[in-house]
């Protein structure tokens, strides 16, 4: 009568892990073959991703610069921003 050091749950988990690793390995092999067969297509896709990312960064930068310019134009000549009729108390609450 053989004595097993593992339970059935452990055997199922190891089989599931092995099958997952096998599927990932086969997918990687398939992607590698596609890249070898069609390098121009994948180079074009990578270039398109970089181009779209670059356009997105440029648009965000231009928006920030445009809003900053509008903010500077809305307050001409004001270097020091302060409020009139505001008192700053430096003492505690019982120093009145």
N, C-alpha and C. Protein backbone atom coordinates (compact mmCIF):
# COMPACT_ATOMS: atom_id res chain seq x y z
N UNK A 1 0.84 -1.16 0.00
CA UNK A 1 0.00 0.00 0.00
C UNK A 1 0.89 1.24 0.00
N UNK A 2 0.88 2.05 -1.09
CA UNK A 2 1.76 3.23 -1.17
C UNK A 2 1.23 4.35 -0.28
N UNK A 3 2.18 5.07 0.29
CA UNK A 3 1.85 6.20 1.16
C UNK A 3 2.15 7.49 0.41
N UNK A 4 1.15 8.36 0.22
CA UNK A 4 1.32 9.61 -0.52
C UNK A 4 1.51 10.77 0.45
N UNK A 5 2.51 11.60 0.16
CA UNK A 5 2.77 12.75 1.01
C UNK A 5 1.99 13.99 0.58
N UNK A 6 1.21 13.90 -0.48
CA UNK A 6 0.45 15.05 -0.95
C UNK A 6 -1.01 14.67 -1.03
N UNK A 7 -1.84 15.68 -0.97
CA UNK A 7 -3.28 15.44 -1.07
C UNK A 7 -3.71 15.57 -2.52
N UNK A 8 -4.95 15.24 -2.80
CA UNK A 8 -5.49 15.34 -4.14
C UNK A 8 -5.57 16.82 -4.56
N UNK A 9 -5.81 17.70 -3.59
CA UNK A 9 -5.88 19.13 -3.88
C UNK A 9 -4.54 19.65 -4.40
N UNK A 10 -3.46 19.20 -3.80
CA UNK A 10 -2.13 19.60 -4.25
C UNK A 10 -1.84 19.10 -5.66
N UNK A 11 -2.28 17.90 -5.98
CA UNK A 11 -2.06 17.34 -7.32
C UNK A 11 -2.85 18.14 -8.36
N UNK A 12 -4.09 18.50 -8.04
CA UNK A 12 -4.88 19.30 -8.98
C UNK A 12 -4.28 20.70 -9.18
N UNK A 13 -3.77 21.29 -8.09
CA UNK A 13 -3.17 22.62 -8.21
C UNK A 13 -1.91 22.57 -9.07
N UNK A 14 -1.10 21.54 -8.90
CA UNK A 14 0.12 21.45 -9.70
C UNK A 14 -0.20 21.19 -11.17
N UNK A 15 -1.24 20.38 -11.45
CA UNK A 15 -1.65 20.17 -12.84
C UNK A 15 -2.18 21.45 -13.46
N UNK A 16 -2.96 22.24 -12.70
CA UNK A 16 -3.49 23.50 -13.22
C UNK A 16 -2.36 24.49 -13.49
N UNK A 17 -1.37 24.53 -12.59
CA UNK A 17 -0.22 25.41 -12.79
C UNK A 17 0.58 24.99 -14.02
N UNK A 18 0.79 23.69 -14.18
CA UNK A 18 1.55 23.19 -15.33
C UNK A 18 0.80 23.47 -16.64
N UNK A 19 -0.51 23.29 -16.64
CA UNK A 19 -1.25 23.56 -17.87
C UNK A 19 -1.26 25.06 -18.19
N UNK A 20 -1.32 25.91 -17.16
CA UNK A 20 -1.25 27.35 -17.40
C UNK A 20 0.09 27.76 -17.98
N UNK A 21 1.16 27.20 -17.44
CA UNK A 21 2.50 27.49 -17.96
C UNK A 21 2.63 27.00 -19.39
N UNK A 22 2.06 25.84 -19.70
CA UNK A 22 2.11 25.30 -21.06
C UNK A 22 1.39 26.23 -22.03
N UNK A 23 0.21 26.71 -21.65
CA UNK A 23 -0.55 27.62 -22.53
C UNK A 23 0.23 28.91 -22.77
N UNK A 24 0.81 29.48 -21.71
CA UNK A 24 1.59 30.70 -21.87
C UNK A 24 2.79 30.46 -22.77
N UNK A 25 3.47 29.34 -22.60
CA UNK A 25 4.61 29.01 -23.45
C UNK A 25 4.22 28.87 -24.91
N UNK A 26 3.09 28.19 -25.17
CA UNK A 26 2.65 28.04 -26.55
C UNK A 26 2.24 29.38 -27.16
N UNK A 27 1.61 30.26 -26.36
CA UNK A 27 1.27 31.59 -26.87
C UNK A 27 2.53 32.40 -27.19
N UNK A 28 3.54 32.30 -26.34
CA UNK A 28 4.80 33.02 -26.62
C UNK A 28 5.46 32.50 -27.88
N UNK A 29 5.43 31.20 -28.07
CA UNK A 29 6.00 30.63 -29.30
C UNK A 29 5.23 31.14 -30.52
N UNK A 30 3.90 31.18 -30.42
CA UNK A 30 3.08 31.68 -31.52
C UNK A 30 3.36 33.14 -31.83
N UNK A 31 3.46 33.97 -30.80
CA UNK A 31 3.78 35.38 -31.04
C UNK A 31 5.16 35.54 -31.65
N UNK A 32 6.11 34.73 -31.19
CA UNK A 32 7.45 34.78 -31.77
C UNK A 32 7.45 34.43 -33.25
N UNK A 33 6.70 33.42 -33.61
CA UNK A 33 6.61 33.04 -35.03
C UNK A 33 5.92 34.12 -35.86
N UNK A 34 4.88 34.75 -35.30
CA UNK A 34 4.22 35.84 -36.02
C UNK A 34 5.15 37.02 -36.25
N UNK A 35 5.94 37.34 -35.23
CA UNK A 35 6.87 38.46 -35.37
C UNK A 35 7.95 38.12 -36.40
N UNK A 36 8.40 36.87 -36.41
CA UNK A 36 9.40 36.48 -37.41
C UNK A 36 8.81 36.49 -38.81
N UNK A 37 7.53 36.11 -38.95
CA UNK A 37 6.91 36.04 -40.27
C UNK A 37 6.52 37.42 -40.79
N UNK A 38 6.07 38.30 -39.93
CA UNK A 38 5.59 39.62 -40.34
C UNK A 38 6.27 40.74 -39.55
N UNK A 39 7.56 40.93 -39.72
CA UNK A 39 8.24 41.95 -38.92
C UNK A 39 7.81 43.38 -39.28
N UNK A 40 7.44 43.61 -40.54
CA UNK A 40 7.05 44.95 -40.95
C UNK A 40 5.75 45.37 -40.27
N UNK A 41 4.82 44.43 -40.13
CA UNK A 41 3.54 44.73 -39.49
C UNK A 41 3.74 45.09 -38.02
N UNK A 42 4.54 44.32 -37.32
CA UNK A 42 4.74 44.60 -35.91
C UNK A 42 5.58 45.85 -35.69
N UNK A 43 6.51 46.14 -36.59
CA UNK A 43 7.25 47.39 -36.50
C UNK A 43 6.32 48.57 -36.72
N UNK A 44 5.38 48.44 -37.66
CA UNK A 44 4.40 49.49 -37.90
C UNK A 44 3.50 49.69 -36.68
N UNK A 45 3.07 48.59 -36.05
CA UNK A 45 2.23 48.71 -34.86
C UNK A 45 2.98 49.39 -33.71
N UNK A 46 4.23 49.03 -33.52
CA UNK A 46 5.03 49.66 -32.46
C UNK A 46 5.22 51.14 -32.75
N UNK A 47 5.49 51.48 -34.01
CA UNK A 47 5.65 52.88 -34.37
C UNK A 47 4.35 53.64 -34.17
N UNK A 48 3.22 53.02 -34.47
CA UNK A 48 1.93 53.68 -34.28
C UNK A 48 1.66 53.94 -32.80
N UNK A 49 2.02 52.99 -31.95
CA UNK A 49 1.83 53.19 -30.50
C UNK A 49 2.67 54.35 -30.01
N UNK A 50 3.94 54.42 -30.43
CA UNK A 50 4.81 55.52 -30.02
C UNK A 50 4.30 56.85 -30.56
N UNK A 51 3.80 56.86 -31.80
CA UNK A 51 3.29 58.09 -32.39
C UNK A 51 2.07 58.60 -31.62
N UNK A 52 1.15 57.71 -31.30
CA UNK A 52 -0.05 58.12 -30.56
C UNK A 52 0.31 58.60 -29.16
N UNK A 53 1.25 57.93 -28.51
CA UNK A 53 1.69 58.37 -27.19
C UNK A 53 2.36 59.75 -27.26
N UNK A 54 3.15 59.98 -28.30
CA UNK A 54 3.80 61.28 -28.46
C UNK A 54 2.79 62.39 -28.72
N UNK A 55 1.79 62.12 -29.55
CA UNK A 55 0.75 63.12 -29.81
C UNK A 55 -0.01 63.42 -28.52
N UNK A 56 -0.31 62.40 -27.75
CA UNK A 56 -1.01 62.61 -26.48
C UNK A 56 -0.21 63.47 -25.52
N UNK A 57 1.09 63.22 -25.42
CA UNK A 57 1.95 64.03 -24.55
C UNK A 57 2.01 65.47 -25.03
N UNK A 58 2.12 65.67 -26.34
CA UNK A 58 2.18 67.02 -26.88
C UNK A 58 0.88 67.78 -26.64
N UNK A 59 -0.26 67.11 -26.77
CA UNK A 59 -1.55 67.76 -26.53
C UNK A 59 -1.69 68.17 -25.08
N UNK A 60 -1.31 67.30 -24.16
CA UNK A 60 -1.39 67.64 -22.74
C UNK A 60 -0.46 68.80 -22.41
N UNK A 61 0.74 68.80 -22.95
CA UNK A 61 1.68 69.90 -22.70
C UNK A 61 1.16 71.22 -23.25
N UNK A 62 0.58 71.19 -24.45
CA UNK A 62 0.04 72.41 -25.03
C UNK A 62 -1.15 72.93 -24.23
N UNK A 63 -2.00 72.04 -23.72
CA UNK A 63 -3.11 72.47 -22.87
C UNK A 63 -2.61 73.16 -21.61
N UNK A 64 -1.59 72.57 -20.98
CA UNK A 64 -1.04 73.16 -19.76
C UNK A 64 -0.46 74.54 -20.05
N UNK A 65 0.31 74.65 -21.14
CA UNK A 65 0.89 75.95 -21.49
C UNK A 65 -0.18 76.98 -21.83
N UNK A 66 -1.24 76.57 -22.52
CA UNK A 66 -2.31 77.48 -22.90
C UNK A 66 -3.06 77.97 -21.66
N UNK A 67 -3.38 77.06 -20.72
CA UNK A 67 -4.07 77.48 -19.50
C UNK A 67 -3.18 78.37 -18.65
N UNK A 68 -1.89 78.10 -18.62
CA UNK A 68 -0.97 78.95 -17.86
C UNK A 68 -0.91 80.35 -18.46
N UNK A 69 -0.92 80.44 -19.78
CA UNK A 69 -0.90 81.74 -20.44
C UNK A 69 -2.19 82.51 -20.17
N UNK A 70 -3.33 81.82 -20.19
CA UNK A 70 -4.60 82.47 -19.88
C UNK A 70 -4.63 82.94 -18.44
N UNK A 71 -4.05 82.18 -17.53
CA UNK A 71 -4.00 82.56 -16.13
C UNK A 71 -3.14 83.80 -15.93
N UNK A 72 -2.02 83.88 -16.63
CA UNK A 72 -1.15 85.05 -16.51
C UNK A 72 -1.80 86.29 -17.11
N UNK A 73 -2.58 86.14 -18.17
CA UNK A 73 -3.25 87.28 -18.78
C UNK A 73 -4.41 87.79 -17.94
N UNK A 74 -5.01 86.92 -17.14
CA UNK A 74 -6.17 87.34 -16.36
C UNK A 74 -5.78 88.25 -15.19
N UNK A 75 -4.53 88.24 -14.77
CA UNK A 75 -4.05 89.07 -13.67
C UNK A 75 -2.88 89.94 -14.13
N UNK A 76 -3.11 90.95 -14.93
CA UNK A 76 -1.98 91.76 -15.39
C UNK A 76 -1.46 92.67 -14.28
N UNK A 77 -0.17 92.67 -14.11
CA UNK A 77 0.49 93.59 -13.19
C UNK A 77 0.45 93.18 -11.73
N UNK A 78 -0.24 92.17 -11.35
CA UNK A 78 -0.28 91.74 -9.95
C UNK A 78 0.84 90.75 -9.69
N UNK A 79 1.83 91.21 -8.95
CA UNK A 79 2.94 90.33 -8.61
C UNK A 79 2.69 89.70 -7.26
N UNK A 80 2.33 90.53 -6.27
CA UNK A 80 2.04 90.03 -4.93
C UNK A 80 0.54 89.88 -4.76
N UNK A 81 0.11 88.70 -4.51
CA UNK A 81 -1.31 88.45 -4.32
C UNK A 81 -1.58 88.51 -2.82
N UNK A 82 -2.50 89.38 -2.43
CA UNK A 82 -2.87 89.50 -1.02
C UNK A 82 -4.34 89.86 -0.93
N UNK A 83 -4.88 89.72 0.26
CA UNK A 83 -6.27 90.08 0.50
C UNK A 83 -6.31 91.31 1.39
N UNK A 84 -7.19 92.22 1.05
CA UNK A 84 -7.35 93.42 1.88
C UNK A 84 -8.29 93.09 3.03
N UNK A 85 -8.13 93.82 4.12
CA UNK A 85 -8.95 93.68 5.32
C UNK A 85 -8.88 92.28 5.93
N UNK A 86 -7.71 91.66 5.89
CA UNK A 86 -7.51 90.36 6.51
C UNK A 86 -6.47 90.52 7.59
N UNK A 87 -6.79 90.08 8.81
CA UNK A 87 -5.85 90.15 9.92
C UNK A 87 -5.34 88.76 10.22
N UNK A 88 -4.06 88.66 10.48
CA UNK A 88 -3.46 87.40 10.82
C UNK A 88 -3.16 87.41 12.30
N UNK A 89 -3.75 86.50 13.03
CA UNK A 89 -3.54 86.39 14.47
C UNK A 89 -2.46 85.38 14.74
N UNK A 90 -1.45 85.78 15.50
CA UNK A 90 -0.36 84.86 15.81
C UNK A 90 -0.42 84.33 17.23
N UNK A 91 -1.28 84.91 18.08
CA UNK A 91 -1.38 84.48 19.47
C UNK A 91 -2.34 83.32 19.63
N UNK A 92 -2.45 82.83 20.86
CA UNK A 92 -3.36 81.75 21.17
C UNK A 92 -4.79 82.25 21.30
N UNK A 93 -5.71 81.37 21.59
CA UNK A 93 -7.12 81.76 21.67
C UNK A 93 -7.43 82.61 22.91
N UNK A 94 -6.58 82.61 23.94
CA UNK A 94 -6.83 83.35 25.18
C UNK A 94 -6.12 84.68 25.21
N UNK A 95 -5.45 85.11 24.14
CA UNK A 95 -4.67 86.34 24.12
C UNK A 95 -5.49 87.55 23.69
N UNK A 96 -6.79 87.48 23.63
CA UNK A 96 -7.60 88.62 23.22
C UNK A 96 -7.66 89.57 24.33
